[in-house]
Amino acid sequence: MILSHKVIGSVKSAEAAALYDIDWLPLEWYEAVRPIQRKKTNAGKDIALKFVNEGIRLKQGDVVWAEDKKCIAIEILPCEAIVIAPVTLLQMGTVCYEIGNKHLPLFIENEQVLVPFEEPLFKLLQAGGYGPTKALRRLENMLKVNAVSHSHGGESLFQKILNFGG
């Protein structure tokens, strides 16, 4: 069993890929953010990924193990996705709002908005006139969201409402 604790490089460029005999580790898009997992590479090697740093986001071509001229690199598997190409900044904002309001992961790539395919969302975006298409895509570049409290010191609005009149 191979154990990996960190990303040690990338084989995304043709030059880097030519240096190694690459054994790909296929991952679904949602597995790219899991800090601990056991998987098998395409060549059948067992590998355990154990990333202790918060916020790991594995990307296509990330090298998680290397020895001599051999390496194990991440392959993000393509999946069905909704693809939207907003024309204006307003359309970009509203489509991202619609998707974010559903608490779904959002990906941005080449001025396109991508989201894992869900039929109800696809129909909602069609009805809204956003012109979504369905395509097989690698979902990379997930937007990072930091949820924070909306309180700006003192009591939150929710606390004030609860304490009102009492």
Foldseek 3Di string as FASTA:
>chain_A
DAEFADFDDFCPDPVSVVQADEFEWEDEQVCQQDQWDWGATPVGDIYIHHYPDHDGGFDFGGWRDDDRRYTYGYDHFWAKKKKFQDDDPVLVVVLVVLCVVVVFWWADDPNIIIGHDDVVSNVVCVVVVRPIDIDTGRGGRTDDDDDDDPDPDDDDPVVCVVPPPD
